[in-house]
Amino acid sequence: MTIDFPDDLIALERSAWTEIQAGRLTVDTARAVHEGVAAFAAEAGIGRYDVEMGLKRVVRHSAAVDA
């Protein structure tokens, strides 16, 4: 399934991924991503899990998504 994620949600996940890699993910960042994923999933009518996993693939494994 290909999902067209909004830029602001991708930016939130990128921030979280950067913090995770640095070992300093904050509760505020994690909450913002969670809330963004939940809101987008509800608006798009897609399961939250599918949105979360798709978003992580886009941000963390973009080369695999582009292939």
N, C-alpha and C. Protein backbone atom coordinates (compact mmCIF):
# COMPACT_ATOMS: atom_id res chain seq x y z
N MET A 1 0.84 -1.17 0.00
CA MET A 1 0.00 0.00 0.00
C MET A 1 0.89 1.24 0.00
N THR A 2 0.63 2.15 -0.92
CA THR A 2 1.36 3.40 -0.98
C THR A 2 0.50 4.49 -0.37
N ILE A 3 1.08 5.21 0.57
CA ILE A 3 0.35 6.27 1.27
C ILE A 3 1.04 7.59 0.97
N ASP A 4 0.26 8.59 0.63
CA ASP A 4 0.79 9.93 0.36
C ASP A 4 0.78 10.72 1.67
N PHE A 5 1.92 10.70 2.36
CA PHE A 5 2.02 11.37 3.67
C PHE A 5 2.21 12.87 3.50
N PRO A 6 1.58 13.66 4.37
CA PRO A 6 1.81 15.11 4.33
C PRO A 6 3.23 15.43 4.81
N ASP A 7 3.78 16.51 4.29
CA ASP A 7 5.15 16.91 4.62
C ASP A 7 5.36 17.11 6.11
N ASP A 8 4.36 17.66 6.81
CA ASP A 8 4.53 17.93 8.24
C ASP A 8 4.65 16.63 9.04
N LEU A 9 3.95 15.59 8.63
CA LEU A 9 4.05 14.30 9.32
C LEU A 9 5.41 13.65 9.05
N ILE A 10 5.89 13.77 7.83
CA ILE A 10 7.23 13.25 7.51
C ILE A 10 8.29 14.00 8.32
N ALA A 11 8.14 15.30 8.45
CA ALA A 11 9.09 16.10 9.22
C ALA A 11 9.09 15.68 10.69
N LEU A 12 7.92 15.41 11.24
CA LEU A 12 7.84 14.95 12.64
C LEU A 12 8.57 13.62 12.82
N GLU A 13 8.33 12.69 11.91
CA GLU A 13 8.99 11.39 12.02
C GLU A 13 10.50 11.53 11.82
N ARG A 14 10.93 12.40 10.94
CA ARG A 14 12.37 12.63 10.76
C ARG A 14 13.00 13.17 12.04
N SER A 15 12.30 14.09 12.71
CA SER A 15 12.79 14.63 13.98
C SER A 15 12.92 13.52 15.02
N ALA A 16 11.89 12.67 15.10
CA ALA A 16 11.92 11.57 16.05
C ALA A 16 13.07 10.61 15.73
N TRP A 17 13.25 10.28 14.45
CA TRP A 17 14.31 9.36 14.06
C TRP A 17 15.69 9.93 14.38
N THR A 18 15.86 11.22 14.16
CA THR A 18 17.13 11.87 14.50
C THR A 18 17.39 11.79 16.00
N GLU A 19 16.35 12.05 16.79
CA GLU A 19 16.49 11.97 18.25
C GLU A 19 16.77 10.53 18.70
N ILE A 20 16.11 9.56 18.09
CA ILE A 20 16.34 8.16 18.44
C ILE A 20 17.78 7.77 18.15
N GLN A 21 18.28 8.16 16.99
CA GLN A 21 19.66 7.82 16.63
C GLN A 21 20.67 8.47 17.57
N ALA A 22 20.33 9.64 18.10
CA ALA A 22 21.23 10.34 19.03
C ALA A 22 21.02 9.87 20.47
N GLY A 23 20.04 8.99 20.68
CA GLY A 23 19.77 8.49 22.03
C GLY A 23 19.08 9.49 22.92
N ARG A 24 18.31 10.41 22.32
CA ARG A 24 17.66 11.43 23.15
C ARG A 24 16.25 11.77 22.67
N LEU A 25 15.47 10.74 22.37
CA LEU A 25 14.08 10.96 21.99
C LEU A 25 13.32 11.53 23.19
N THR A 26 12.63 12.64 22.97
CA THR A 26 11.86 13.25 24.04
C THR A 26 10.42 12.78 24.01
N VAL A 27 9.77 12.87 25.15
CA VAL A 27 8.36 12.52 25.24
C VAL A 27 7.54 13.43 24.33
N ASP A 28 7.89 14.70 24.28
CA ASP A 28 7.15 15.65 23.43
C ASP A 28 7.21 15.26 21.96
N THR A 29 8.39 14.88 21.49
CA THR A 29 8.52 14.48 20.10
C THR A 29 7.76 13.19 19.83
N ALA A 30 7.90 12.22 20.70
CA ALA A 30 7.19 10.95 20.54
C ALA A 30 5.68 11.17 20.54
N ARG A 31 5.21 12.02 21.44
CA ARG A 31 3.78 12.31 21.51
C ARG A 31 3.30 13.01 20.23
N ALA A 32 4.08 13.94 19.73
CA ALA A 32 3.69 14.67 18.52
C ALA A 32 3.57 13.72 17.33
N VAL A 33 4.50 12.79 17.21
CA VAL A 33 4.44 11.81 16.12
C VAL A 33 3.21 10.92 16.29
N HIS A 34 3.01 10.42 17.49
CA HIS A 34 1.87 9.55 17.76
C HIS A 34 0.55 10.24 17.43
N GLU A 35 0.40 11.47 17.89
CA GLU A 35 -0.83 12.22 17.63
C GLU A 35 -1.00 12.52 16.15
N GLY A 36 0.10 12.85 15.47
CA GLY A 36 0.04 13.10 14.04
C GLY A 36 -0.35 11.87 13.25
N VAL A 37 0.20 10.73 13.63
CA VAL A 37 -0.13 9.47 12.96
C VAL A 37 -1.59 9.13 13.19
N ALA A 38 -2.05 9.26 14.43
CA ALA A 38 -3.44 8.93 14.75
C ALA A 38 -4.41 9.84 13.99
N ALA A 39 -4.11 11.12 13.94
CA ALA A 39 -4.99 12.06 13.23
C ALA A 39 -5.02 11.77 11.74
N PHE A 40 -3.85 11.54 11.15
CA PHE A 40 -3.79 11.25 9.72
C PHE A 40 -4.51 9.95 9.41
N ALA A 41 -4.32 8.94 10.23
CA ALA A 41 -4.98 7.65 10.01
C ALA A 41 -6.50 7.81 10.04
N ALA A 42 -6.99 8.57 11.00
CA ALA A 42 -8.44 8.79 11.10
C ALA A 42 -8.97 9.54 9.88
N GLU A 43 -8.26 10.59 9.47
CA GLU A 43 -8.69 11.38 8.31
C GLU A 43 -8.66 10.57 7.02
N ALA A 44 -7.64 9.74 6.87
CA ALA A 44 -7.45 8.99 5.62
C ALA A 44 -8.24 7.67 5.60
N GLY A 45 -8.75 7.27 6.77
CA GLY A 45 -9.47 6.01 6.84
C GLY A 45 -8.56 4.80 6.69
N ILE A 46 -7.33 4.94 7.19
CA ILE A 46 -6.33 3.89 7.11
C ILE A 46 -5.99 3.49 8.55
N GLY A 47 -5.69 2.24 8.77
CA GLY A 47 -5.33 1.79 10.11
C GLY A 47 -4.10 2.52 10.62
N ARG A 48 -4.11 2.85 11.91
CA ARG A 48 -2.99 3.58 12.52
C ARG A 48 -1.69 2.82 12.37
N TYR A 49 -1.74 1.51 12.55
CA TYR A 49 -0.53 0.69 12.43
C TYR A 49 0.05 0.80 11.02
N ASP A 50 -0.81 0.71 10.01
CA ASP A 50 -0.35 0.81 8.62
C ASP A 50 0.27 2.17 8.35
N VAL A 51 -0.33 3.22 8.90
CA VAL A 51 0.23 4.56 8.73
C VAL A 51 1.59 4.65 9.40
N GLU A 52 1.68 4.17 10.63
CA GLU A 52 2.94 4.25 11.37
C GLU A 52 4.06 3.48 10.68
N MET A 53 3.78 2.27 10.25
CA MET A 53 4.80 1.46 9.59
C MET A 53 5.18 2.06 8.23
N GLY A 54 4.21 2.56 7.49
CA GLY A 54 4.50 3.20 6.21
C GLY A 54 5.35 4.44 6.37
N LEU A 55 5.04 5.23 7.39
CA LEU A 55 5.80 6.45 7.66
C LEU A 55 7.24 6.12 8.03
N LYS A 56 7.42 5.12 8.86
CA LYS A 56 8.78 4.71 9.23
C LYS A 56 9.56 4.23 8.01
N ARG A 57 8.90 3.48 7.12
CA ARG A 57 9.58 3.04 5.89
C ARG A 57 10.02 4.23 5.06
N VAL A 58 9.17 5.23 4.92
CA VAL A 58 9.50 6.41 4.12
C VAL A 58 10.70 7.14 4.71
N VAL A 59 10.70 7.33 6.01
CA VAL A 59 11.76 8.12 6.66
C VAL A 59 13.04 7.31 6.85
N ARG A 60 12.90 6.10 7.32
CA ARG A 60 14.09 5.32 7.70
C ARG A 60 14.67 4.48 6.58
N HIS A 61 13.87 4.16 5.59
CA HIS A 61 14.32 3.26 4.54
C HIS A 61 13.91 3.77 3.17
N SER A 62 14.11 5.04 2.93
CA SER A 62 13.63 5.66 1.70
C SER A 62 14.20 4.99 0.45
N ALA A 63 15.39 4.47 0.50
CA ALA A 63 15.96 3.80 -0.67
C ALA A 63 15.16 2.55 -1.01
N ALA A 64 14.68 1.84 0.00
CA ALA A 64 13.88 0.63 -0.24
C ALA A 64 12.50 1.01 -0.79
N VAL A 65 11.96 2.13 -0.38
CA VAL A 65 10.65 2.57 -0.85
C VAL A 65 10.76 3.00 -2.30
N ASP A 66 11.86 3.64 -2.67
CA ASP A 66 12.04 4.15 -4.03
C ASP A 66 12.31 3.03 -5.04
N ALA A 67 12.76 1.89 -4.55
CA ALA A 67 13.12 0.78 -5.45
C ALA A 67 11.91 0.13 -6.08
